[in-house]
Amino acid sequence: MQVEFRFGAGRAKEAYLMPWSRVLGYYGNVPGISIDDFRLCCALNRSGEEYDLPGPDTNQYPLTPPTDEES
C-alpha cells in the first residue's frame, strides 16, 4: 500500500510503502495507521511532482523477502 501525507501549503509531502501483510495486521485491531508506523516502512523519494520507487539495489525496507540467491 502506498500512502502520501500532505501537510499543507509550504510543507513537504511524504510518501511511504507498507506491505499489505502489515496493513492487514492493523485491520480490525486499531482505528488507523499512524504516520510514525508508516515512517518505519519504505520512504519514497520525491522528484518534482512524482515519487521514485526504490530500486533492487537499495538498502531500504525490503519489499519482498530475499531469495536464497540474494542472501
N, C-alpha and C. Protein backbone atom coordinates (compact mmCIF):
# COMPACT_ATOMS: atom_id res chain seq x y z
N MET A 1 0.85 -1.16 0.00
CA MET A 1 0.00 0.00 0.00
C MET A 1 0.90 1.22 0.00
N GLN A 2 0.56 2.20 -0.81
CA GLN A 2 1.31 3.45 -0.86
C GLN A 2 0.42 4.55 -0.31
N VAL A 3 0.99 5.37 0.57
CA VAL A 3 0.25 6.47 1.18
C VAL A 3 1.07 7.74 1.08
N GLU A 4 0.40 8.84 0.74
CA GLU A 4 1.06 10.15 0.71
C GLU A 4 0.44 11.01 1.81
N PHE A 5 1.31 11.66 2.59
CA PHE A 5 0.87 12.58 3.62
C PHE A 5 1.10 14.00 3.12
N ARG A 6 0.05 14.82 3.19
CA ARG A 6 0.13 16.22 2.78
C ARG A 6 -0.08 17.08 4.02
N PHE A 7 0.85 17.97 4.26
CA PHE A 7 0.83 18.76 5.48
C PHE A 7 0.39 20.20 5.28
N GLY A 8 0.01 20.58 4.08
CA GLY A 8 -0.45 21.94 3.83
C GLY A 8 0.55 22.74 3.02
N ALA A 9 0.13 23.93 2.65
CA ALA A 9 0.94 24.80 1.78
C ALA A 9 2.30 25.09 2.40
N GLY A 10 3.33 24.98 1.57
CA GLY A 10 4.68 25.31 2.02
C GLY A 10 5.39 24.21 2.78
N ARG A 11 4.74 23.09 3.01
CA ARG A 11 5.37 21.98 3.73
C ARG A 11 5.54 20.79 2.79
N ALA A 12 6.62 20.09 2.95
CA ALA A 12 6.93 18.96 2.07
C ALA A 12 5.96 17.81 2.29
N LYS A 13 5.63 17.13 1.21
CA LYS A 13 4.80 15.92 1.27
C LYS A 13 5.72 14.73 1.55
N GLU A 14 5.15 13.68 2.11
CA GLU A 14 5.88 12.44 2.36
C GLU A 14 5.05 11.29 1.84
N ALA A 15 5.72 10.27 1.31
CA ALA A 15 5.02 9.07 0.85
C ALA A 15 5.79 7.83 1.28
N TYR A 16 5.05 6.77 1.56
CA TYR A 16 5.64 5.54 2.07
C TYR A 16 4.94 4.33 1.46
N LEU A 17 5.68 3.22 1.39
CA LEU A 17 5.13 1.93 1.01
C LEU A 17 5.07 1.07 2.26
N MET A 18 3.94 0.38 2.45
CA MET A 18 3.80 -0.55 3.56
C MET A 18 3.28 -1.87 2.97
N PRO A 19 3.90 -2.98 3.33
CA PRO A 19 3.42 -4.27 2.82
C PRO A 19 1.98 -4.54 3.25
N TRP A 20 1.22 -5.16 2.36
CA TRP A 20 -0.18 -5.46 2.66
C TRP A 20 -0.31 -6.35 3.88
N SER A 21 0.64 -7.24 4.10
CA SER A 21 0.57 -8.11 5.28
C SER A 21 0.57 -7.29 6.56
N ARG A 22 1.34 -6.21 6.60
CA ARG A 22 1.37 -5.34 7.77
C ARG A 22 0.07 -4.54 7.88
N VAL A 23 -0.43 -4.04 6.75
CA VAL A 23 -1.70 -3.30 6.75
C VAL A 23 -2.81 -4.18 7.31
N LEU A 24 -2.87 -5.43 6.85
CA LEU A 24 -3.91 -6.34 7.32
C LEU A 24 -3.77 -6.64 8.81
N GLY A 25 -2.55 -6.56 9.34
CA GLY A 25 -2.35 -6.75 10.77
C GLY A 25 -2.99 -5.65 11.60
N TYR A 26 -3.08 -4.46 11.03
CA TYR A 26 -3.74 -3.34 11.71
C TYR A 26 -5.26 -3.44 11.60
N TYR A 27 -5.74 -4.01 10.49
CA TYR A 27 -7.17 -4.03 10.21
C TYR A 27 -7.94 -4.75 11.32
N GLY A 28 -8.91 -4.07 11.88
CA GLY A 28 -9.74 -4.63 12.93
C GLY A 28 -9.13 -4.57 14.31
N ASN A 29 -7.84 -4.17 14.39
CA ASN A 29 -7.17 -4.12 15.69
C ASN A 29 -6.97 -2.70 16.21
N VAL A 30 -6.82 -1.76 15.31
CA VAL A 30 -6.60 -0.36 15.69
C VAL A 30 -7.47 0.52 14.77
N PRO A 31 -7.80 1.74 15.22
CA PRO A 31 -8.67 2.60 14.40
C PRO A 31 -7.99 3.16 13.15
N GLY A 32 -6.68 3.12 13.08
CA GLY A 32 -5.97 3.66 11.93
C GLY A 32 -4.50 3.34 12.02
N ILE A 33 -3.74 3.76 11.01
CA ILE A 33 -2.30 3.55 11.00
C ILE A 33 -1.65 4.92 11.11
N SER A 34 -0.79 5.11 12.08
CA SER A 34 -0.19 6.42 12.32
C SER A 34 0.92 6.70 11.31
N ILE A 35 1.23 7.97 11.15
CA ILE A 35 2.33 8.36 10.27
C ILE A 35 3.65 7.78 10.80
N ASP A 36 3.79 7.66 12.11
CA ASP A 36 5.02 7.07 12.67
C ASP A 36 5.16 5.62 12.26
N ASP A 37 4.05 4.88 12.17
CA ASP A 37 4.11 3.50 11.71
C ASP A 37 4.52 3.44 10.24
N PHE A 38 4.02 4.37 9.43
CA PHE A 38 4.43 4.41 8.03
C PHE A 38 5.89 4.81 7.89
N ARG A 39 6.38 5.66 8.76
CA ARG A 39 7.79 6.09 8.70
C ARG A 39 8.75 4.95 8.99
N LEU A 40 8.27 3.87 9.58
CA LEU A 40 9.10 2.68 9.81
C LEU A 40 9.24 1.84 8.54
N CYS A 41 8.46 2.17 7.54
CA CYS A 41 8.46 1.40 6.29
C CYS A 41 9.31 2.11 5.24
N CYS A 42 9.12 1.75 4.01
CA CYS A 42 9.92 2.25 2.89
C CYS A 42 9.47 3.65 2.47
N ALA A 43 10.36 4.64 2.65
CA ALA A 43 10.06 6.01 2.23
C ALA A 43 10.30 6.14 0.73
N LEU A 44 9.42 6.87 0.06
CA LEU A 44 9.58 7.15 -1.37
C LEU A 44 10.20 8.53 -1.52
N ASN A 45 11.19 8.64 -2.39
CA ASN A 45 11.83 9.93 -2.64
C ASN A 45 11.04 10.71 -3.67
N ARG A 46 10.83 11.98 -3.37
CA ARG A 46 10.06 12.85 -4.26
C ARG A 46 11.00 13.50 -5.27
N SER A 47 10.59 13.48 -6.53
CA SER A 47 11.34 14.09 -7.61
C SER A 47 10.37 14.95 -8.41
N GLY A 48 10.40 16.25 -8.17
CA GLY A 48 9.42 17.13 -8.82
C GLY A 48 8.03 16.84 -8.28
N GLU A 49 7.13 16.46 -9.16
CA GLU A 49 5.76 16.13 -8.75
C GLU A 49 5.53 14.62 -8.67
N GLU A 50 6.60 13.84 -8.81
CA GLU A 50 6.48 12.39 -8.81
C GLU A 50 7.32 11.77 -7.70
N TYR A 51 7.06 10.51 -7.42
CA TYR A 51 7.84 9.74 -6.46
C TYR A 51 8.62 8.67 -7.18
N ASP A 52 9.84 8.43 -6.73
CA ASP A 52 10.67 7.37 -7.28
C ASP A 52 10.55 6.14 -6.41
N LEU A 53 10.28 5.00 -7.05
CA LEU A 53 10.26 3.74 -6.33
C LEU A 53 11.70 3.31 -6.06
N PRO A 54 11.94 2.72 -4.89
CA PRO A 54 13.30 2.26 -4.61
C PRO A 54 13.65 1.11 -5.54
N GLY A 55 14.90 1.08 -5.97
CA GLY A 55 15.37 0.01 -6.85
C GLY A 55 15.81 -1.20 -6.07
N PRO A 56 16.11 -2.29 -6.78
CA PRO A 56 16.51 -3.52 -6.10
C PRO A 56 17.86 -3.41 -5.40
N ASP A 57 18.65 -2.39 -5.74
CA ASP A 57 19.96 -2.25 -5.12
C ASP A 57 19.95 -1.34 -3.89
N THR A 58 18.79 -0.92 -3.44
CA THR A 58 18.69 -0.04 -2.27
C THR A 58 18.70 -0.86 -0.98
N ASN A 59 19.11 -0.25 0.10
CA ASN A 59 19.11 -0.91 1.41
C ASN A 59 17.90 -0.53 2.22
N GLN A 60 16.88 0.06 1.57
CA GLN A 60 15.69 0.45 2.29
C GLN A 60 14.87 -0.77 2.65
N TYR A 61 13.80 -0.54 3.36
CA TYR A 61 12.88 -1.59 3.79
C TYR A 61 12.60 -2.53 2.63
N PRO A 62 12.83 -3.83 2.79
CA PRO A 62 12.63 -4.76 1.67
C PRO A 62 11.15 -4.90 1.30
N LEU A 63 10.87 -4.88 0.00
CA LEU A 63 9.50 -5.04 -0.47
C LEU A 63 9.14 -6.53 -0.54
N THR A 64 10.11 -7.38 -0.73
CA THR A 64 9.90 -8.82 -0.73
C THR A 64 11.06 -9.46 0.01
N PRO A 65 10.85 -10.62 0.61
CA PRO A 65 11.95 -11.29 1.29
C PRO A 65 13.03 -11.69 0.30
N PRO A 66 14.30 -11.67 0.71
CA PRO A 66 15.37 -12.07 -0.22
C PRO A 66 15.26 -13.55 -0.56
N THR A 67 15.67 -13.89 -1.75
CA THR A 67 15.70 -15.30 -2.16
C THR A 67 17.01 -15.91 -1.67
N ASP A 68 17.14 -17.23 -1.79
CA ASP A 68 18.37 -17.91 -1.37
C ASP A 68 19.58 -17.35 -2.12
N GLU A 69 19.40 -16.98 -3.39
CA GLU A 69 20.50 -16.46 -4.19
C GLU A 69 20.93 -15.07 -3.72
N GLU A 70 20.01 -14.28 -3.17
CA GLU A 70 20.32 -12.92 -2.75
C GLU A 70 20.93 -12.85 -1.36
N SER A 71 20.70 -13.86 -0.50
CA SER A 71 21.19 -13.78 0.86
C SER A 71 22.59 -14.32 1.02
